[in-house]
Amino acid sequence: LHFVARMVGEIQIMTIEEDAPTSVGQAHDGAIAELRIMRRPENVSEANLAQVFAAYLQGKALHCFDDKHWYLWNGQRWQKDKQNQIILNAEAFVQLAAKMVIDEGEPDIARRILGFMSAQKLDNLVKLAKPRLAVNLTDFDSNPMQLCVENGVIDLATGKLLEPSPAMRHSKMAGVSYDANASCPRFMQFLTDIFPDDAELRGYVQKVAG
């Protein structure tokens, strides 16, 4: 089963966007167990391969049944897949799986896996992976104290800029970059004009207005 662990390990390296776990099993215990039934060429089926494909897509793709779209992680946020790029992910996965088993001296299994390079079978893999990566629209952008911007995610409770993560489930992004040292002279002058003698009130209004 060495090729199984190695295959899942390489998939993990290519797809997990968050901190890497200390072992392959820590990330994909279920995927390894599922891959064991593919030790023989006759066990390479759509259902079995789709299970591993779903593991390959962890942190990389989600499917929303509410709007019937795939969402792909672009490094900043989850972006709706309007150009069916998920098929290219399926193609890359099949090629990687075949390469891994060839490297481990399993050409018969590799030939079976490469049989999934047809348009219909790639589409079937994508369909079978949907329930394993399902989310609702309400799962996106659900944290009111986080704002996704061009250079990260602002924690509105602390004012700190966080690294974007797939687990944050942001699909919307403000078209600006956060600068902790930015100034707003016009707004500050406006507050001074309106509340010339009350610095505490100016500070409160500035906080309320964001």
C-alpha atoms as a PDB file:
ATOM      1  CA  LEU A   1       0.000   0.000   0.000  1.00  0.00           C
ATOM      2  CA  HIS A   2       3.019   2.296  -0.210  1.00  0.00           C
ATOM      3  CA  PHE A   3       1.781   3.830  -3.471  1.00  0.00           C
ATOM      4  CA  VAL A   4      -1.529   4.629  -1.758  1.00  0.00           C
ATOM      5  CA  ALA A   5       0.096   6.628   1.025  1.00  0.00           C
ATOM      6  CA  ARG A   6       2.427   8.342  -1.426  1.00  0.00           C
ATOM      7  CA  MET A   7      -0.406   9.269  -3.769  1.00  0.00           C
ATOM      8  CA  VAL A   8      -2.509  10.772  -1.011  1.00  0.00           C
ATOM      9  CA  GLY A   9       0.557  12.537   0.348  1.00  0.00           C
ATOM     10  CA  GLU A  10       1.249  14.249  -2.966  1.00  0.00           C
ATOM     11  CA  ILE A  11      -2.404  15.175  -3.341  1.00  0.00           C
ATOM     12  CA  GLN A  12      -2.232  16.708   0.104  1.00  0.00           C
ATOM     13  CA  ILE A  13       0.807  18.813  -0.796  1.00  0.00           C
ATOM     14  CA  MET A  14      -0.865  20.094  -3.970  1.00  0.00           C
ATOM     15  CA  THR A  15      -4.256  20.964  -2.502  1.00  0.00           C
ATOM     16  CA  ILE A  16      -4.222  21.777   1.191  1.00  0.00           C
ATOM     17  CA  GLU A  17      -4.004  25.567   1.586  1.00  0.00           C
ATOM     18  CA  GLU A  18      -3.872  25.625   5.363  1.00  0.00           C
ATOM     19  CA  ASP A  19      -1.077  24.499   7.719  1.00  0.00           C
ATOM     20  CA  ALA A  20       0.140  21.064   6.668  1.00  0.00           C
ATOM     21  CA  PRO A  21      -0.661  18.220   9.093  1.00  0.00           C
ATOM     22  CA  THR A  22       2.152  16.176  10.584  1.00  0.00           C
ATOM     23  CA  SER A  23       1.274  13.036   8.612  1.00  0.00           C
ATOM     24  CA  VAL A  24      -0.644  11.863   5.601  1.00  0.00           C
ATOM     25  CA  GLY A  25      -2.976   9.831   7.758  1.00  0.00           C
ATOM     26  CA  GLN A  26      -3.782  12.852   9.870  1.00  0.00           C
ATOM     27  CA  ALA A  27      -5.174  14.598   6.789  1.00  0.00           C
ATOM     28  CA  HIS A  28      -6.758  11.754   4.844  1.00  0.00           C
ATOM     29  CA  ASP A  29      -7.371   8.723   7.057  1.00  0.00           C
ATOM     30  CA  GLY A  30     -10.657   8.097   5.250  1.00  0.00           C
ATOM     31  CA  ALA A  31      -9.118   8.510   1.801  1.00  0.00           C
ATOM     32  CA  ILE A  32      -6.380   5.991   2.559  1.00  0.00           C
ATOM     33  CA  ALA A  33      -8.949   3.483   3.753  1.00  0.00           C
ATOM     34  CA  GLU A  34     -10.958   3.990   0.559  1.00  0.00           C
ATOM     35  CA  LEU A  35      -7.893   3.641  -1.659  1.00  0.00           C
ATOM     36  CA  ARG A  36      -7.164   0.207  -0.225  1.00  0.00           C
ATOM     37  CA  ILE A  37      -9.966  -1.283  -2.270  1.00  0.00           C
ATOM     38  CA  MET A  38      -8.146  -0.114  -5.413  1.00  0.00           C
ATOM     39  CA  ARG A  39      -5.158  -2.407  -4.902  1.00  0.00           C
ATOM     40  CA  ARG A  40      -6.339  -4.461  -7.866  1.00  0.00           C
ATOM     41  CA  PRO A  41      -7.170  -3.173 -11.373  1.00  0.00           C
ATOM     42  CA  GLU A  42     -10.753  -4.471 -11.184  1.00  0.00           C
ATOM     43  CA  ASN A  43     -11.353  -2.319  -8.112  1.00  0.00           C
ATOM     44  CA  VAL A  44     -10.723   0.930 -10.000  1.00  0.00           C
ATOM     45  CA  SER A  45     -14.309   2.146 -10.345  1.00  0.00           C
ATOM     46  CA  GLU A  46     -16.034   5.504 -10.730  1.00  0.00           C
ATOM     47  CA  ALA A  47     -17.314   5.382  -7.169  1.00  0.00           C
ATOM     48  CA  ASN A  48     -13.939   4.508  -5.647  1.00  0.00           C
ATOM     49  CA  LEU A  49     -12.009   7.020  -7.724  1.00  0.00           C
ATOM     50  CA  ALA A  50     -14.560   9.742  -6.954  1.00  0.00           C
ATOM     51  CA  GLN A  51     -13.950   9.253  -3.231  1.00  0.00           C
ATOM     52  CA  VAL A  52     -10.260   9.926  -3.720  1.00  0.00           C
ATOM     53  CA  PHE A  53     -11.029  12.829  -6.074  1.00  0.00           C
ATOM     54  CA  ALA A  54     -13.090  14.438  -3.326  1.00  0.00           C
ATOM     55  CA  ALA A  55     -10.079  14.156  -0.998  1.00  0.00           C
ATOM     56  CA  TYR A  56      -7.914  15.739  -3.722  1.00  0.00           C
ATOM     57  CA  LEU A  57     -10.319  18.695  -3.816  1.00  0.00           C
ATOM     58  CA  GLN A  58     -10.291  19.363  -0.067  1.00  0.00           C
ATOM     59  CA  GLY A  59      -9.452  23.034   0.459  1.00  0.00           C
ATOM     60  CA  LYS A  60      -9.591  23.530  -3.298  1.00  0.00           C
ATOM     61  CA  ALA A  61     -13.232  23.173  -4.393  1.00  0.00           C
ATOM     62  CA  LEU A  62     -16.725  23.185  -2.919  1.00  0.00           C
ATOM     63  CA  HIS A  63     -20.086  22.502  -4.506  1.00  0.00           C
ATOM     64  CA  CYS A  64     -23.188  24.502  -3.628  1.00  0.00           C
ATOM     65  CA  PHE A  65     -26.456  22.736  -4.391  1.00  0.00           C
ATOM     66  CA  ASP A  66     -28.407  25.952  -3.699  1.00  0.00           C
ATOM     67  CA  ASP A  67     -27.153  27.666  -6.854  1.00  0.00           C
ATOM     68  CA  LYS A  68     -25.813  24.512  -8.554  1.00  0.00           C
ATOM     69  CA  HIS A  69     -22.293  25.892  -8.907  1.00  0.00           C
ATOM     70  CA  TRP A  70     -18.805  24.797  -7.997  1.00  0.00           C
ATOM     71  CA  TYR A  71     -16.677  27.277  -6.069  1.00  0.00           C
ATOM     72  CA  LEU A  72     -12.889  27.203  -6.438  1.00  0.00           C
ATOM     73  CA  TRP A  73     -10.366  28.570  -3.935  1.00  0.00           C
ATOM     74  CA  ASN A  74      -8.213  31.236  -5.618  1.00  0.00           C
ATOM     75  CA  GLY A  75      -5.915  31.934  -2.686  1.00  0.00           C
ATOM     76  CA  GLN A  76      -8.040  34.809  -1.403  1.00  0.00           C
ATOM     77  CA  ARG A  77     -11.657  33.664  -1.528  1.00  0.00           C
ATOM     78  CA  TRP A  78     -14.037  31.057  -2.910  1.00  0.00           C
ATOM     79  CA  GLN A  79     -14.835  32.075  -6.474  1.00  0.00           C
ATOM     80  CA  LYS A  80     -17.775  30.764  -8.476  1.00  0.00           C
ATOM     81  CA  ASP A  81     -16.582  28.453 -11.247  1.00  0.00           C
ATOM     82  CA  LYS A  82     -18.335  30.011 -14.233  1.00  0.00           C
ATOM     83  CA  GLN A  83     -16.060  28.373 -16.827  1.00  0.00           C
ATOM     84  CA  ASN A  84     -16.297  24.756 -15.644  1.00  0.00           C
ATOM     85  CA  GLN A  85     -12.674  24.679 -14.503  1.00  0.00           C
ATOM     86  CA  ILE A  86     -13.599  21.799 -12.194  1.00  0.00           C
ATOM     87  CA  ILE A  87     -13.210  19.486 -15.194  1.00  0.00           C
ATOM     88  CA  LEU A  88      -9.570  20.542 -15.485  1.00  0.00           C
ATOM     89  CA  ASN A  89      -9.155  19.628 -11.817  1.00  0.00           C
ATOM     90  CA  ALA A  90     -10.592  16.187 -12.558  1.00  0.00           C
ATOM     91  CA  GLU A  91      -8.211  15.756 -15.487  1.00  0.00           C
ATOM     92  CA  ALA A  92      -5.210  16.788 -13.365  1.00  0.00           C
ATOM     93  CA  PHE A  93      -6.276  14.374 -10.636  1.00  0.00           C
ATOM     94  CA  VAL A  94      -6.545  11.385 -12.990  1.00  0.00           C
ATOM     95  CA  GLN A  95      -3.120  12.150 -14.478  1.00  0.00           C
ATOM     96  CA  LEU A  96      -1.567  12.455 -11.033  1.00  0.00           C
ATOM     97  CA  ALA A  97      -3.162   9.228  -9.800  1.00  0.00           C
ATOM     98  CA  ALA A  98      -1.912   7.337 -12.842  1.00  0.00           C
ATOM     99  CA  LYS A  99       1.594   8.759 -12.484  1.00  0.00           C
ATOM    100  CA  MET A 100       1.755   7.740  -8.832  1.00  0.00           C
ATOM    101  CA  VAL A 101       0.801   4.135  -9.444  1.00  0.00           C
ATOM    102  CA  ILE A 102       3.140   3.872 -12.456  1.00  0.00           C
ATOM    103  CA  ASP A 103       5.986   5.107 -10.262  1.00  0.00           C
ATOM    104  CA  GLU A 104       5.132   2.362  -7.795  1.00  0.00           C
ATOM    105  CA  GLY A 105       5.181  -0.362 -10.456  1.00  0.00           C
ATOM    106  CA  GLU A 106       1.432  -0.806 -10.911  1.00  0.00           C
ATOM    107  CA  PRO A 107       0.913  -0.297 -14.678  1.00  0.00           C
ATOM    108  CA  ASP A 108      -2.332  -2.297 -14.818  1.00  0.00           C
ATOM    109  CA  ILE A 109      -3.946  -0.074 -12.203  1.00  0.00           C
ATOM    110  CA  ALA A 110      -2.583   3.000 -14.012  1.00  0.00           C
ATOM    111  CA  ARG A 111      -4.184   1.882 -17.283  1.00  0.00           C
ATOM    112  CA  ARG A 112      -7.541   1.522 -15.541  1.00  0.00           C
ATOM    113  CA  ILE A 113      -7.218   4.972 -14.005  1.00  0.00           C
ATOM    114  CA  LEU A 114      -6.261   6.545 -17.353  1.00  0.00           C
ATOM    115  CA  GLY A 115      -9.473   5.073 -18.746  1.00  0.00           C
ATOM    116  CA  PHE A 116     -11.216   7.896 -16.895  1.00  0.00           C
ATOM    117  CA  MET A 117      -9.727  10.559 -19.167  1.00  0.00           C
ATOM    118  CA  SER A 118     -12.814  10.634 -21.397  1.00  0.00           C
ATOM    119  CA  ALA A 119     -15.127  13.642 -21.142  1.00  0.00           C
ATOM    120  CA  GLN A 120     -18.037  11.523 -19.902  1.00  0.00           C
ATOM    121  CA  LYS A 121     -16.055   9.763 -17.177  1.00  0.00           C
ATOM    122  CA  LEU A 122     -14.431  12.977 -15.979  1.00  0.00           C
ATOM    123  CA  ASP A 123     -17.892  14.487 -15.760  1.00  0.00           C
ATOM    124  CA  ASN A 124     -19.074  11.471 -13.768  1.00  0.00           C
ATOM    125  CA  LEU A 125     -16.213  11.886 -11.291  1.00  0.00           C
ATOM    126  CA  VAL A 126     -17.203  15.510 -10.814  1.00  0.00           C
ATOM    127  CA  LYS A 127     -20.850  14.579 -10.242  1.00  0.00           C
ATOM    128  CA  LEU A 128     -20.001  11.858  -7.736  1.00  0.00           C
ATOM    129  CA  ALA A 129     -17.734  14.207  -5.784  1.00  0.00           C
ATOM    130  CA  LYS A 130     -20.444  16.850  -5.309  1.00  0.00           C
ATOM    131  CA  PRO A 131     -22.130  15.421  -2.183  1.00  0.00           C
ATOM    132  CA  ARG A 132     -18.768  14.980  -0.464  1.00  0.00           C
ATOM    133  CA  LEU A 133     -17.931  18.667  -0.930  1.00  0.00           C
ATOM    134  CA  ALA A 134     -21.412  20.136  -0.480  1.00  0.00           C
ATOM    135  CA  VAL A 135     -22.058  23.523   1.129  1.00  0.00           C
ATOM    136  CA  ASN A 136     -25.000  25.896   1.385  1.00  0.00           C
ATOM    137  CA  LEU A 137     -24.939  29.503   0.222  1.00  0.00           C
ATOM    138  CA  THR A 138     -25.397  30.514   3.854  1.00  0.00           C
ATOM    139  CA  ASP A 139     -22.062  28.853   4.670  1.00  0.00           C
ATOM    140  CA  PHE A 140     -20.289  31.614   2.761  1.00  0.00           C
ATOM    141  CA  ASP A 141     -19.538  35.041   4.251  1.00  0.00           C
ATOM    142  CA  SER A 142     -21.260  34.136   7.520  1.00  0.00           C
ATOM    143  CA  ASN A 143     -18.849  35.838   9.949  1.00  0.00           C
ATOM    144  CA  PRO A 144     -19.932  39.492  10.375  1.00  0.00           C
ATOM    145  CA  MET A 145     -16.653  40.328  12.124  1.00  0.00           C
ATOM    146  CA  GLN A 146     -14.456  39.440   9.154  1.00  0.00           C
ATOM    147  CA  LEU A 147     -13.993  41.476   5.978  1.00  0.00           C
ATOM    148  CA  CYS A 148     -12.185  39.956   3.022  1.00  0.00           C
ATOM    149  CA  VAL A 149     -10.003  42.491   1.196  1.00  0.00           C
ATOM    150  CA  GLU A 150      -7.375  42.270  -1.531  1.00  0.00           C
ATOM    151  CA  ASN A 151      -4.447  41.630   0.824  1.00  0.00           C
ATOM    152  CA  GLY A 152      -6.090  39.456   3.474  1.00  0.00           C
ATOM    153  CA  VAL A 153      -8.998  39.294   5.881  1.00  0.00           C
ATOM    154  CA  ILE A 154      -9.610  42.054   8.422  1.00  0.00           C
ATOM    155  CA  ASP A 155     -10.678  40.943  11.887  1.00  0.00           C
ATOM    156  CA  LEU A 156     -13.092  43.763  12.668  1.00  0.00           C
ATOM    157  CA  ALA A 157     -12.994  42.956  16.377  1.00  0.00           C
ATOM    158  CA  THR A 158      -9.232  43.483  16.694  1.00  0.00           C
ATOM    159  CA  GLY A 159      -8.305  45.433  13.559  1.00  0.00           C
ATOM    160  CA  LYS A 160      -5.711  42.794  12.665  1.00  0.00           C
ATOM    161  CA  LEU A 161      -5.105  41.573   9.122  1.00  0.00           C
ATOM    162  CA  LEU A 162      -5.406  37.796   8.880  1.00  0.00           C
ATOM    163  CA  GLU A 163      -4.146  35.378   6.248  1.00  0.00           C
ATOM    164  CA  PRO A 164      -7.037  34.208   4.041  1.00  0.00           C
ATOM    165  CA  SER A 165      -8.014  30.590   4.545  1.00  0.00           C
ATOM    166  CA  PRO A 166     -10.460  28.264   2.767  1.00  0.00           C
ATOM    167  CA  ALA A 167     -12.003  27.501   6.159  1.00  0.00           C
ATOM    168  CA  MET A 168     -13.140  31.128   6.473  1.00  0.00           C
ATOM    169  CA  ARG A 169     -15.534  30.536   3.577  1.00  0.00           C
ATOM    170  CA  HIS A 170     -15.333  34.027   2.078  1.00  0.00           C
ATOM    171  CA  SER A 171     -16.818  34.370  -1.402  1.00  0.00           C
ATOM    172  CA  LYS A 172     -17.068  38.164  -1.488  1.00  0.00           C
ATOM    173  CA  MET A 173     -14.198  40.597  -1.356  1.00  0.00           C
ATOM    174  CA  ALA A 174     -13.958  44.365  -0.980  1.00  0.00           C
ATOM    175  CA  GLY A 175     -11.941  45.849  -3.840  1.00  0.00           C
ATOM    176  CA  VAL A 176      -9.422  47.586  -1.565  1.00  0.00           C
ATOM    177  CA  SER A 177      -6.256  46.696   0.326  1.00  0.00           C
ATOM    178  CA  TYR A 178      -6.004  47.163   4.075  1.00  0.00           C
ATOM    179  CA  ASP A 179      -3.417  49.635   5.379  1.00  0.00           C
ATOM    180  CA  ALA A 180      -3.230  49.932   9.162  1.00  0.00           C
ATOM    181  CA  ASN A 181      -1.380  53.252   8.811  1.00  0.00           C
ATOM    182  CA  ALA A 182      -3.727  54.835   6.284  1.00  0.00           C
ATOM    183  CA  SER A 183      -5.100  58.285   7.094  1.00  0.00           C
ATOM    184  CA  CYS A 184      -8.404  59.909   6.210  1.00  0.00           C
ATOM    185  CA  PRO A 185      -7.810  63.668   6.501  1.00  0.00           C
ATOM    186  CA  ARG A 186     -11.099  64.754   4.937  1.00  0.00           C
ATOM    187  CA  PHE A 187     -13.186  62.607   7.234  1.00  0.00           C
ATOM    188  CA  MET A 188     -11.217  63.689  10.299  1.00  0.00           C
ATOM    189  CA  GLN A 189     -11.657  67.334   9.293  1.00  0.00           C
ATOM    190  CA  PHE A 190     -15.395  66.713   8.867  1.00  0.00           C
ATOM    191  CA  LEU A 191     -15.617  65.321  12.404  1.00  0.00           C
ATOM    192  CA  THR A 192     -13.652  68.262  13.759  1.00  0.00           C
ATOM    193  CA  ASP A 193     -15.993  70.697  12.009  1.00  0.00           C
ATOM    194  CA  ILE A 194     -19.111  68.970  13.357  1.00  0.00           C
ATOM    195  CA  PHE A 195     -17.851  68.225  16.875  1.00  0.00           C
ATOM    196  CA  PRO A 196     -15.124  70.859  17.473  1.00  0.00           C
ATOM    197  CA  ASP A 197     -15.139  70.635  21.261  1.00  0.00           C
ATOM    198  CA  ASP A 198     -15.757  66.948  21.911  1.00  0.00           C
ATOM    199  CA  ALA A 199     -12.835  64.631  21.111  1.00  0.00           C
ATOM    200  CA  GLU A 200     -14.522  61.710  22.833  1.00  0.00           C
ATOM    201  CA  LEU A 201     -17.611  62.046  20.663  1.00  0.00           C
ATOM    202  CA  ARG A 202     -15.464  62.347  17.547  1.00  0.00           C
ATOM    203  CA  GLY A 203     -13.769  59.096  18.464  1.00  0.00           C
ATOM    204  CA  TYR A 204     -17.113  57.404  19.009  1.00  0.00           C
ATOM    205  CA  VAL A 205     -18.547  58.579  15.688  1.00  0.00           C
ATOM    206  CA  GLN A 206     -15.367  57.501  13.883  1.00  0.00           C
ATOM    207  CA  LYS A 207     -15.675  54.033  15.394  1.00  0.00           C
ATOM    208  CA  VAL A 208     -19.396  53.737  14.527  1.00  0.00           C
ATOM    209  CA  ALA A 209     -18.776  54.907  10.953  1.00  0.00           C
ATOM    210  CA  GLY A 210     -15.916  52.456  10.564  1.00  0.00           C
END
